[in-house]
Structures are given as C-alpha cells and as structure tokens.
Amino acid sequence: MADIEKTLTTDGKRTITIHGMKLTVDPAVMDDMRVMNWLYTIQHPESDDDDGVLVMVPLIRTLFGKDYQKIMDHLAEADGRIPMQKVANFLTEFMSKVNPNS
C-alpha cells in the first residue's frame, strides 16, 4: 500500500510506470459505466452482437486520454504495426495499476 500512496499526486491522480513509460492518470477514469460496458463486451463477446472486440478502441481512447497517441507510438513495432497482444498486455497492466484494489 505504501508504494501506491507514494504515487498519488496532490490532485488525486496516480503516477504509474508501464513498459518503461511514466504516466499520470486519474483513477476516476475507471468510474464510468461506458468503461464497464466495454470491458463486459470484451469479456463476454457472445453476449453482444454489435461491437465485440472492436469496443477496445473507444475503451483505450477513454482510458489513455491525452496519452493515447504517445502510448500507441511506444507500442509500435519498427514497421509501424501495433500488435494487439502488446496493446492487451499494456491495458491489463494499466488497469491493475490504476485500480490496484480490484
């Protein structure tokens, strides 16, 4: 718990490091029903005919906010391609660090 407390800024944001990138994020980004719906759709693709895994795009844009492009550039391969597995791994670590008690 002490490590997490050290990462909190005066405005309630949390500084985290993922894959060598330091980010300052607002944990309140997880307190959004849209985020929960997108996560549910990703976890249960058979329950939603509409978007399936494509909801990952608005999910990561919402979660990463202004850092979205910087993160995508960081995850890109030399040829410019951004492998989905790298994005999924980054997203998993992001969520565990932003919301460590869940």
PDB file of N, CA and C in Angstrom:
ATOM      1  N   MET A   1       0.814  -1.198   0.000  1.00  0.00           N
ATOM      2  CA  MET A   1       0.000   0.000   0.000  1.00  0.00           C
ATOM      3  C   MET A   1       0.860   1.265   0.000  1.00  0.00           C
ATOM      4  N   ALA A   2       2.002   1.234   0.674  1.00  0.00           N
ATOM      5  CA  ALA A   2       2.864   2.409   0.739  1.00  0.00           C
ATOM      6  C   ALA A   2       3.339   2.830  -0.646  1.00  0.00           C
ATOM      7  N   ASP A   3       3.646   1.864  -1.516  1.00  0.00           N
ATOM      8  CA  ASP A   3       4.095   2.200  -2.864  1.00  0.00           C
ATOM      9  C   ASP A   3       3.036   2.964  -3.632  1.00  0.00           C
ATOM     10  N   ILE A   4       1.784   2.560  -3.471  1.00  0.00           N
ATOM     11  CA  ILE A   4       0.692   3.228  -4.172  1.00  0.00           C
ATOM     12  C   ILE A   4       0.507   4.637  -3.636  1.00  0.00           C
ATOM     13  N   GLU A   5       0.563   4.797  -2.320  1.00  0.00           N
ATOM     14  CA  GLU A   5       0.385   6.121  -1.730  1.00  0.00           C
ATOM     15  C   GLU A   5       1.448   7.090  -2.222  1.00  0.00           C
ATOM     16  N   LYS A   6       2.674   6.625  -2.401  1.00  0.00           N
ATOM     17  CA  LYS A   6       3.753   7.481  -2.881  1.00  0.00           C
ATOM     18  C   LYS A   6       3.494   7.971  -4.299  1.00  0.00           C
ATOM     19  N   THR A   7       2.684   7.255  -5.045  1.00  0.00           N
ATOM     20  CA  THR A   7       2.463   7.620  -6.439  1.00  0.00           C
ATOM     21  C   THR A   7       1.313   8.606  -6.620  1.00  0.00           C
ATOM     22  N   LEU A   8       0.580   8.900  -5.557  1.00  0.00           N
ATOM     23  CA  LEU A   8      -0.545   9.827  -5.680  1.00  0.00           C
ATOM     24  C   LEU A   8      -0.046  11.264  -5.740  1.00  0.00           C
ATOM     25  N   THR A   9      -0.617  12.061  -6.640  1.00  0.00           N
ATOM     26  CA  THR A   9      -0.279  13.473  -6.737  1.00  0.00           C
ATOM     27  C   THR A   9      -1.231  14.263  -5.857  1.00  0.00           C
ATOM     28  N   THR A  10      -0.975  15.550  -5.710  1.00  0.00           N
ATOM     29  CA  THR A  10      -1.812  16.376  -4.840  1.00  0.00           C
ATOM     30  C   THR A  10      -3.245  16.496  -5.345  1.00  0.00           C
ATOM     31  N   ASP A  11      -3.467  16.305  -6.629  1.00  0.00           N
ATOM     32  CA  ASP A  11      -4.825  16.411  -7.174  1.00  0.00           C
ATOM     33  C   ASP A  11      -5.519  15.053  -7.277  1.00  0.00           C
ATOM     34  N   GLY A  12      -4.977  14.030  -6.607  1.00  0.00           N
ATOM     35  CA  GLY A  12      -5.622  12.719  -6.580  1.00  0.00           C
ATOM     36  C   GLY A  12      -5.272  11.820  -7.747  1.00  0.00           C
ATOM     37  N   LYS A  13      -4.438  12.293  -8.639  1.00  0.00           N
ATOM     38  CA  LYS A  13      -4.026  11.454  -9.768  1.00  0.00           C
ATOM     39  C   LYS A  13      -2.916  10.512  -9.308  1.00  0.00           C
ATOM     40  N   ARG A  14      -2.675   9.495 -10.094  1.00  0.00           N
ATOM     41  CA  ARG A  14      -1.677   8.487  -9.749  1.00  0.00           C
ATOM     42  C   ARG A  14      -0.623   8.453 -10.853  1.00  0.00           C
ATOM     43  N   THR A  15       0.636   8.444 -10.445  1.00  0.00           N
ATOM     44  CA  THR A  15       1.727   8.289 -11.399  1.00  0.00           C
ATOM     45  C   THR A  15       2.100   6.816 -11.431  1.00  0.00           C
ATOM     46  N   ILE A  16       2.072   6.244 -12.626  1.00  0.00           N
ATOM     47  CA  ILE A  16       2.373   4.825 -12.803  1.00  0.00           C
ATOM     48  C   ILE A  16       3.415   4.674 -13.904  1.00  0.00           C
ATOM     49  N   THR A  17       4.121   3.558 -13.883  1.00  0.00           N
ATOM     50  CA  THR A  17       5.077   3.247 -14.944  1.00  0.00           C
ATOM     51  C   THR A  17       4.702   1.901 -15.533  1.00  0.00           C
ATOM     52  N   ILE A  18       4.518   1.880 -16.848  1.00  0.00           N
ATOM     53  CA  ILE A  18       4.167   0.653 -17.565  1.00  0.00           C
ATOM     54  C   ILE A  18       5.086   0.543 -18.771  1.00  0.00           C
ATOM     55  N   HIS A  19       5.746  -0.586 -18.900  1.00  0.00           N
ATOM     56  CA  HIS A  19       6.642  -0.843 -20.037  1.00  0.00           C
ATOM     57  C   HIS A  19       7.637   0.297 -20.218  1.00  0.00           C
ATOM     58  N   GLY A  20       8.127   0.850 -19.111  1.00  0.00           N
ATOM     59  CA  GLY A  20       9.101   1.928 -19.166  1.00  0.00           C
ATOM     60  C   GLY A  20       8.522   3.310 -19.394  1.00  0.00           C
ATOM     61  N   MET A  21       7.206   3.422 -19.524  1.00  0.00           N
ATOM     62  CA  MET A  21       6.552   4.721 -19.725  1.00  0.00           C
ATOM     63  C   MET A  21       5.971   5.213 -18.416  1.00  0.00           C
ATOM     64  N   LYS A  22       6.269   6.452 -18.063  1.00  0.00           N
ATOM     65  CA  LYS A  22       5.693   7.057 -16.871  1.00  0.00           C
ATOM     66  C   LYS A  22       4.454   7.845 -17.294  1.00  0.00           C
ATOM     67  N   LEU A  23       3.326   7.558 -16.649  1.00  0.00           N
ATOM     68  CA  LEU A  23       2.058   8.210 -16.966  1.00  0.00           C
ATOM     69  C   LEU A  23       1.421   8.737 -15.691  1.00  0.00           C
ATOM     70  N   THR A  24       0.736   9.851 -15.793  1.00  0.00           N
ATOM     71  CA  THR A  24      -0.063  10.357 -14.684  1.00  0.00           C
ATOM     72  C   THR A  24      -1.518  10.220 -15.094  1.00  0.00           C
ATOM     73  N   VAL A  25      -2.266   9.444 -14.316  1.00  0.00           N
ATOM     74  CA  VAL A  25      -3.653   9.135 -14.670  1.00  0.00           C
ATOM     75  C   VAL A  25      -4.577   9.434 -13.501  1.00  0.00           C
ATOM     76  N   ASP A  26      -5.815   9.691 -13.828  1.00  0.00           N
ATOM     77  CA  ASP A  26      -6.851   9.912 -12.830  1.00  0.00           C
ATOM     78  C   ASP A  26      -7.576   8.592 -12.605  1.00  0.00           C
ATOM     79  N   PRO A  27      -7.478   7.999 -11.413  1.00  0.00           N
ATOM     80  CA  PRO A  27      -8.154   6.730 -11.160  1.00  0.00           C
ATOM     81  C   PRO A  27      -9.665   6.790 -11.397  1.00  0.00           C
ATOM     82  N   ALA A  28     -10.235   7.979 -11.378  1.00  0.00           N
ATOM     83  CA  ALA A  28     -11.677   8.127 -11.616  1.00  0.00           C
ATOM     84  C   ALA A  28     -12.066   7.710 -13.028  1.00  0.00           C
ATOM     85  N   VAL A  29     -11.086   7.562 -13.928  1.00  0.00           N
ATOM     86  CA  VAL A  29     -11.395   7.139 -15.296  1.00  0.00           C
ATOM     87  C   VAL A  29     -12.089   5.776 -15.287  1.00  0.00           C
ATOM     88  N   MET A  30     -11.848   4.978 -14.250  1.00  0.00           N
ATOM     89  CA  MET A  30     -12.480   3.660 -14.156  1.00  0.00           C
ATOM     90  C   MET A  30     -13.922   3.750 -13.655  1.00  0.00           C
ATOM     91  N   ASP A  31     -14.297   4.894 -13.092  1.00  0.00           N
ATOM     92  CA  ASP A  31     -15.644   5.085 -12.556  1.00  0.00           C
ATOM     93  C   ASP A  31     -16.563   5.622 -13.655  1.00  0.00           C
ATOM     94  N   ASP A  32     -16.782   4.810 -14.666  1.00  0.00           N
ATOM     95  CA  ASP A  32     -17.538   5.221 -15.848  1.00  0.00           C
ATOM     96  C   ASP A  32     -18.282   3.991 -16.374  1.00  0.00           C
ATOM     97  N   MET A  33     -19.572   4.073 -16.451  1.00  0.00           N
ATOM     98  CA  MET A  33     -20.371   2.932 -16.894  1.00  0.00           C
ATOM     99  C   MET A  33     -20.020   2.507 -18.314  1.00  0.00           C
ATOM    100  N   ARG A  34     -19.615   3.457 -19.160  1.00  0.00           N
ATOM    101  CA  ARG A  34     -19.194   3.091 -20.520  1.00  0.00           C
ATOM    102  C   ARG A  34     -18.002   2.145 -20.467  1.00  0.00           C
ATOM    103  N   VAL A  35     -17.049   2.451 -19.597  1.00  0.00           N
ATOM    104  CA  VAL A  35     -15.869   1.598 -19.443  1.00  0.00           C
ATOM    105  C   VAL A  35     -16.293   0.201 -19.009  1.00  0.00           C
ATOM    106  N   MET A  36     -17.200   0.119 -18.040  1.00  0.00           N
ATOM    107  CA  MET A  36     -17.675  -1.189 -17.571  1.00  0.00           C
ATOM    108  C   MET A  36     -18.378  -1.958 -18.692  1.00  0.00           C
ATOM    109  N   ASN A  37     -19.194  -1.273 -19.476  1.00  0.00           N
ATOM    110  CA  ASN A  37     -19.873  -1.922 -20.610  1.00  0.00           C
ATOM    111  C   ASN A  37     -18.865  -2.448 -21.628  1.00  0.00           C
ATOM    112  N   TRP A  38     -17.860  -1.639 -21.959  1.00  0.00           N
ATOM    113  CA  TRP A  38     -16.848  -2.070 -22.924  1.00  0.00           C
ATOM    114  C   TRP A  38     -16.078  -3.273 -22.400  1.00  0.00           C
ATOM    115  N   LEU A  39     -15.699  -3.236 -21.112  1.00  0.00           N
ATOM    116  CA  LEU A  39     -14.978  -4.368 -20.518  1.00  0.00           C
ATOM    117  C   LEU A  39     -15.840  -5.626 -20.523  1.00  0.00           C
ATOM    118  N   TYR A  40     -17.123  -5.466 -20.228  1.00  0.00           N
ATOM    119  CA  TYR A  40     -18.034  -6.616 -20.246  1.00  0.00           C
ATOM    120  C   TYR A  40     -18.117  -7.209 -21.658  1.00  0.00           C
ATOM    121  N   THR A  41     -18.241  -6.355 -22.649  1.00  0.00           N
ATOM    122  CA  THR A  41     -18.339  -6.823 -24.035  1.00  0.00           C
ATOM    123  C   THR A  41     -17.079  -7.574 -24.456  1.00  0.00           C
ATOM    124  N   ILE A  42     -15.914  -7.086 -24.025  1.00  0.00           N
ATOM    125  CA  ILE A  42     -14.660  -7.770 -24.342  1.00  0.00           C
ATOM    126  C   ILE A  42     -14.602  -9.125 -23.645  1.00  0.00           C
ATOM    127  N   GLN A  43     -15.045  -9.178 -22.394  1.00  0.00           N
ATOM    128  CA  GLN A  43     -15.009 -10.427 -21.624  1.00  0.00           C
ATOM    129  C   GLN A  43     -16.077 -11.427 -22.064  1.00  0.00           C
ATOM    130  N   HIS A  44     -17.200 -10.927 -22.600  1.00  0.00           N
ATOM    131  CA  HIS A  44     -18.332 -11.781 -22.985  1.00  0.00           C
ATOM    132  C   HIS A  44     -18.781 -11.459 -24.410  1.00  0.00           C
ATOM    133  N   PRO A  45     -17.949 -11.707 -25.396  1.00  0.00           N
ATOM    134  CA  PRO A  45     -18.287 -11.312 -26.768  1.00  0.00           C
ATOM    135  C   PRO A  45     -19.547 -11.982 -27.299  1.00  0.00           C
ATOM    136  N   GLU A  46     -19.883 -13.156 -26.787  1.00  0.00           N
ATOM    137  CA  GLU A  46     -21.071 -13.860 -27.266  1.00  0.00           C
ATOM    138  C   GLU A  46     -22.362 -13.181 -26.819  1.00  0.00           C
ATOM    139  N   SER A  47     -22.281 -12.279 -25.833  1.00  0.00           N
ATOM    140  CA  SER A  47     -23.492 -11.661 -25.302  1.00  0.00           C
ATOM    141  C   SER A  47     -23.887 -10.384 -26.031  1.00  0.00           C
ATOM    142  N   ASP A  48     -23.057  -9.931 -26.950  1.00  0.00           N
ATOM    143  CA  ASP A  48     -23.321  -8.659 -27.633  1.00  0.00           C
ATOM    144  C   ASP A  48     -23.000  -8.819 -29.114  1.00  0.00           C
ATOM    145  N   ASP A  49     -24.006  -8.724 -29.959  1.00  0.00           N
ATOM    146  CA  ASP A  49     -23.798  -8.901 -31.405  1.00  0.00           C
ATOM    147  C   ASP A  49     -23.194  -7.663 -32.053  1.00  0.00           C
ATOM    148  N   ASP A  50     -23.277  -6.520 -31.392  1.00  0.00           N
ATOM    149  CA  ASP A  50     -22.949  -5.254 -32.033  1.00  0.00           C
ATOM    150  C   ASP A  50     -21.466  -5.065 -32.317  1.00  0.00           C
ATOM    151  N   ASP A  51     -20.661  -4.940 -31.273  1.00  0.00           N
ATOM    152  CA  ASP A  51     -19.304  -4.460 -31.458  1.00  0.00           C
ATOM    153  C   ASP A  51     -18.216  -5.486 -31.181  1.00  0.00           C
ATOM    154  N   GLY A  52     -18.460  -6.411 -30.297  1.00  0.00           N
ATOM    155  CA  GLY A  52     -17.441  -7.391 -29.948  1.00  0.00           C
ATOM    156  C   GLY A  52     -16.152  -6.748 -29.503  1.00  0.00           C
ATOM    157  N   VAL A  53     -15.044  -7.288 -29.963  1.00  0.00           N
ATOM    158  CA  VAL A  53     -13.730  -6.815 -29.539  1.00  0.00           C
ATOM    159  C   VAL A  53     -13.421  -5.404 -30.051  1.00  0.00           C
ATOM    160  N   LEU A  54     -14.177  -4.916 -31.021  1.00  0.00           N
ATOM    161  CA  LEU A  54     -13.931  -3.565 -31.535  1.00  0.00           C
ATOM    162  C   LEU A  54     -14.167  -2.484 -30.488  1.00  0.00           C
ATOM    163  N   VAL A  55     -14.867  -2.817 -29.408  1.00  0.00           N
ATOM    164  CA  VAL A  55     -15.058  -1.824 -28.345  1.00  0.00           C
ATOM    165  C   VAL A  55     -13.740  -1.497 -27.655  1.00  0.00           C
ATOM    166  N   MET A  56     -12.697  -2.257 -27.953  1.00  0.00           N
ATOM    167  CA  MET A  56     -11.393  -1.963 -27.362  1.00  0.00           C
ATOM    168  C   MET A  56     -10.900  -0.580 -27.787  1.00  0.00           C
ATOM    169  N   VAL A  57     -11.253  -0.144 -28.973  1.00  0.00           N
ATOM    170  CA  VAL A  57     -10.788   1.159 -29.466  1.00  0.00           C
ATOM    171  C   VAL A  57     -11.339   2.305 -28.615  1.00  0.00           C
ATOM    172  N   PRO A  58     -12.661   2.447 -28.443  1.00  0.00           N
ATOM    173  CA  PRO A  58     -13.120   3.534 -27.581  1.00  0.00           C
ATOM    174  C   PRO A  58     -12.695   3.346 -26.123  1.00  0.00           C
ATOM    175  N   LEU A  59     -12.553   2.096 -25.685  1.00  0.00           N
ATOM    176  CA  LEU A  59     -12.105   1.839 -24.315  1.00  0.00           C
ATOM    177  C   LEU A  59     -10.714   2.415 -24.088  1.00  0.00           C
ATOM    178  N   ILE A  60      -9.764   2.068 -24.939  1.00  0.00           N
ATOM    179  CA  ILE A  60      -8.405   2.551 -24.705  1.00  0.00           C
ATOM    180  C   ILE A  60      -8.277   4.048 -24.966  1.00  0.00           C
ATOM    181  N   ARG A  61      -9.056   4.577 -25.893  1.00  0.00           N
ATOM    182  CA  ARG A  61      -9.028   6.034 -26.099  1.00  0.00           C
ATOM    183  C   ARG A  61      -9.525   6.757 -24.849  1.00  0.00           C
ATOM    184  N   THR A  62     -10.559   6.216 -24.221  1.00  0.00           N
ATOM    185  CA  THR A  62     -11.093   6.819 -22.998  1.00  0.00           C
ATOM    186  C   THR A  62     -10.109   6.671 -21.844  1.00  0.00           C
ATOM    187  N   LEU A  63      -9.570   5.478 -21.659  1.00  0.00           N
ATOM    188  CA  LEU A  63      -8.662   5.240 -20.539  1.00  0.00           C
ATOM    189  C   LEU A  63      -7.347   5.994 -20.677  1.00  0.00           C
ATOM    190  N   PHE A  64      -6.777   6.034 -21.872  1.00  0.00           N
ATOM    191  CA  PHE A  64      -5.473   6.644 -22.058  1.00  0.00           C
ATOM    192  C   PHE A  64      -5.551   8.153 -22.269  1.00  0.00           C
ATOM    193  N   GLY A  65      -6.720   8.653 -22.665  1.00  0.00           N
ATOM    194  CA  GLY A  65      -6.914  10.091 -22.802  1.00  0.00           C
ATOM    195  C   GLY A  65      -5.871  10.750 -23.686  1.00  0.00           C
ATOM    196  N   LYS A  66      -5.304  11.844 -23.190  1.00  0.00           N
ATOM    197  CA  LYS A  66      -4.339  12.627 -23.979  1.00  0.00           C
ATOM    198  C   LYS A  66      -3.048  11.863 -24.269  1.00  0.00           C
ATOM    199  N   ASP A  67      -2.804  10.781 -23.534  1.00  0.00           N
ATOM    200  CA  ASP A  67      -1.597   9.979 -23.756  1.00  0.00           C
ATOM    201  C   ASP A  67      -1.789   8.881 -24.799  1.00  0.00           C
ATOM    202  N   TYR A  68      -2.975   8.788 -25.381  1.00  0.00           N
ATOM    203  CA  TYR A  68      -3.289   7.700 -26.312  1.00  0.00           C
ATOM    204  C   TYR A  68      -2.238   7.559 -27.419  1.00  0.00           C
ATOM    205  N   GLN A  69      -1.962   8.638 -28.145  1.00  0.00           N
ATOM    206  CA  GLN A  69      -1.035   8.548 -29.279  1.00  0.00           C
ATOM    207  C   GLN A  69       0.380   8.242 -28.819  1.00  0.00           C
ATOM    208  N   LYS A  70       0.794   8.832 -27.711  1.00  0.00           N
ATOM    209  CA  LYS A  70       2.130   8.561 -27.167  1.00  0.00           C
ATOM    210  C   LYS A  70       2.270   7.072 -26.826  1.00  0.00           C
ATOM    211  N   ILE A  71       1.224   6.486 -26.254  1.00  0.00           N
ATOM    212  CA  ILE A  71       1.245   5.060 -25.905  1.00  0.00           C
ATOM    213  C   ILE A  71       1.270   4.205 -27.171  1.00  0.00           C
ATOM    214  N   MET A  72       0.451   4.553 -28.152  1.00  0.00           N
ATOM    215  CA  MET A  72       0.437   3.787 -29.401  1.00  0.00           C
ATOM    216  C   MET A  72       1.802   3.844 -30.087  1.00  0.00           C
ATOM    217  N   ASP A  73       2.429   5.014 -30.087  1.00  0.00           N
ATOM    218  CA  ASP A  73       3.769   5.149 -30.673  1.00  0.00           C
ATOM    219  C   ASP A  73       4.771   4.276 -29.918  1.00  0.00           C
ATOM    220  N   HIS A  74       4.645   4.237 -28.602  1.00  0.00           N
ATOM    221  CA  HIS A  74       5.537   3.433 -27.761  1.00  0.00           C
ATOM    222  C   HIS A  74       5.380   1.936 -28.050  1.00  0.00           C
ATOM    223  N   LEU A  75       4.159   1.503 -28.320  1.00  0.00           N
ATOM    224  CA  LEU A  75       3.879   0.086 -28.556  1.00  0.00           C
ATOM    225  C   LEU A  75       4.149  -0.354 -29.995  1.00  0.00           C
ATOM    226  N   ALA A  76       4.329   0.604 -30.893  1.00  0.00           N
ATOM    227  CA  ALA A  76       4.500   0.282 -32.315  1.00  0.00           C
ATOM    228  C   ALA A  76       5.808  -0.457 -32.581  1.00  0.00           C
ATOM    229  N   GLU A  77       5.733  -1.389 -33.513  1.00  0.00           N
ATOM    230  CA  GLU A  77       6.913  -2.117 -33.989  1.00  0.00           C
ATOM    231  C   GLU A  77       7.690  -1.204 -34.945  1.00  0.00           C
ATOM    232  N   ALA A  78       8.864  -1.642 -35.345  1.00  0.00           N
ATOM    233  CA  ALA A  78       9.701  -0.857 -36.262  1.00  0.00           C
ATOM    234  C   ALA A  78       8.980  -0.554 -37.572  1.00  0.00           C
ATOM    235  N   ASP A  79       8.091  -1.470 -38.010  1.00  0.00           N
ATOM    236  CA  ASP A  79       7.362  -1.258 -39.260  1.00  0.00           C
ATOM    237  C   ASP A  79       6.092  -0.424 -39.075  1.00  0.00           C
ATOM    238  N   GLY A  80       5.853   0.052 -37.848  1.00  0.00           N
ATOM    239  CA  GLY A  80       4.689   0.891 -37.579  1.00  0.00           C
ATOM    240  C   GLY A  80       3.467   0.136 -37.086  1.00  0.00           C
ATOM    241  N   ARG A  81       3.480  -1.193 -37.218  1.00  0.00           N
ATOM    242  CA  ARG A  81       2.342  -2.006 -36.781  1.00  0.00           C
ATOM    243  C   ARG A  81       2.300  -2.047 -35.255  1.00  0.00           C
ATOM    244  N   ILE A  82       1.087  -2.030 -34.696  1.00  0.00           N
ATOM    245  CA  ILE A  82       0.902  -2.105 -33.245  1.00  0.00           C
ATOM    246  C   ILE A  82       0.196  -3.423 -32.945  1.00  0.00           C
ATOM    247  N   PRO A  83       0.944  -4.434 -32.493  1.00  0.00           N
ATOM    248  CA  PRO A  83       0.334  -5.741 -32.238  1.00  0.00           C
ATOM    249  C   PRO A  83      -0.721  -5.681 -31.128  1.00  0.00           C
ATOM    250  N   MET A  84      -1.850  -6.305 -31.376  1.00  0.00           N
ATOM    251  CA  MET A  84      -2.937  -6.312 -30.398  1.00  0.00           C
ATOM    252  C   MET A  84      -2.504  -6.929 -29.075  1.00  0.00           C
ATOM    253  N   GLN A  85      -1.620  -7.927 -29.116  1.00  0.00           N
ATOM    254  CA  GLN A  85      -1.172  -8.548 -27.866  1.00  0.00           C
ATOM    255  C   GLN A  85      -0.409  -7.550 -27.001  1.00  0.00           C
ATOM    256  N   LYS A  86       0.389  -6.682 -27.621  1.00  0.00           N
ATOM    257  CA  LYS A  86       1.104  -5.650 -26.863  1.00  0.00           C
ATOM    258  C   LYS A  86       0.119  -4.662 -26.255  1.00  0.00           C
ATOM    259  N   VAL A  87      -0.911  -4.303 -27.016  1.00  0.00           N
ATOM    260  CA  VAL A  87      -1.935  -3.387 -26.503  1.00  0.00           C
ATOM    261  C   VAL A  87      -2.675  -4.041 -25.336  1.00  0.00           C
ATOM    262  N   ALA A  88      -3.053  -5.305 -25.499  1.00  0.00           N
ATOM    263  CA  ALA A  88      -3.779  -6.017 -24.438  1.00  0.00           C
ATOM    264  C   ALA A  88      -2.935  -6.123 -23.173  1.00  0.00           C
ATOM    265  N   ASN A  89      -1.655  -6.435 -23.314  1.00  0.00           N
ATOM    266  CA  ASN A  89      -0.771  -6.520 -22.149  1.00  0.00           C
ATOM    267  C   ASN A  89      -0.636  -5.169 -21.457  1.00  0.00           C
ATOM    268  N   PHE A  90      -0.480  -4.109 -22.253  1.00  0.00           N
ATOM    269  CA  PHE A  90      -0.363  -2.760 -21.705  1.00  0.00           C
ATOM    270  C   PHE A  90      -1.647  -2.391 -20.969  1.00  0.00           C
ATOM    271  N   LEU A  91      -2.786  -2.681 -21.588  1.00  0.00           N
ATOM    272  CA  LEU A  91      -4.081  -2.362 -20.989  1.00  0.00           C
ATOM    273  C   LEU A  91      -4.279  -3.108 -19.674  1.00  0.00           C
ATOM    274  N   THR A  92      -3.916  -4.376 -19.634  1.00  0.00           N
ATOM    275  CA  THR A  92      -4.055  -5.167 -18.411  1.00  0.00           C
ATOM    276  C   THR A  92      -3.217  -4.576 -17.281  1.00  0.00           C
ATOM    277  N   GLU A  93      -1.977  -4.235 -17.588  1.00  0.00           N
ATOM    278  CA  GLU A  93      -1.113  -3.646 -16.559  1.00  0.00           C
ATOM    279  C   GLU A  93      -1.611  -2.265 -16.154  1.00  0.00           C
ATOM    280  N   PHE A  94      -2.075  -1.489 -17.125  1.00  0.00           N
ATOM    281  CA  PHE A  94      -2.629  -0.162 -16.847  1.00  0.00           C
ATOM    282  C   PHE A  94      -3.768  -0.268 -15.840  1.00  0.00           C
ATOM    283  N   MET A  95      -4.700  -1.163 -16.112  1.00  0.00           N
ATOM    284  CA  MET A  95      -5.873  -1.291 -15.246  1.00  0.00           C
ATOM    285  C   MET A  95      -5.490  -1.775 -13.852  1.00  0.00           C
ATOM    286  N   SER A  96      -4.536  -2.679 -13.743  1.00  0.00           N
ATOM    287  CA  SER A  96      -4.141  -3.169 -12.421  1.00  0.00           C
ATOM    288  C   SER A  96      -3.424  -2.094 -11.614  1.00  0.00           C
ATOM    289  N   LYS A  97      -2.740  -1.176 -12.281  1.00  0.00           N
ATOM    290  CA  LYS A  97      -2.040  -0.114 -11.560  1.00  0.00           C
ATOM    291  C   LYS A  97      -2.937   1.080 -11.260  1.00  0.00           C
ATOM    292  N   VAL A  98      -3.894   1.346 -12.127  1.00  0.00           N
ATOM    293  CA  VAL A  98      -4.811   2.459 -11.883  1.00  0.00           C
ATOM    294  C   VAL A  98      -5.802   2.093 -10.789  1.00  0.00           C
ATOM    295  N   ASN A  99      -6.230   0.843 -10.788  1.00  0.00           N
ATOM    296  CA  ASN A  99      -7.235   0.380  -9.834  1.00  0.00           C
ATOM    297  C   ASN A  99      -6.696  -0.866  -9.119  1.00  0.00           C
ATOM    298  N   PRO A 100      -5.657  -0.704  -8.262  1.00  0.00           N
ATOM    299  CA  PRO A 100      -4.959  -1.866  -7.706  1.00  0.00           C
ATOM    300  C   PRO A 100      -5.765  -2.690  -6.712  1.00  0.00           C
ATOM    301  N   ASN A 101      -6.875  -2.179  -6.224  1.00  0.00           N
ATOM    302  CA  ASN A 101      -7.667  -2.903  -5.225  1.00  0.00           C
ATOM    303  C   ASN A 101      -8.773  -3.746  -5.814  1.00  0.00           C
ATOM    304  N   SER A 102      -8.859  -3.816  -7.139  1.00  0.00           N
ATOM    305  CA  SER A 102      -9.955  -4.596  -7.727  1.00  0.00           C
ATOM    306  C   SER A 102      -9.470  -5.940  -8.187  1.00  0.00           C
TER     307      SER A 102
END
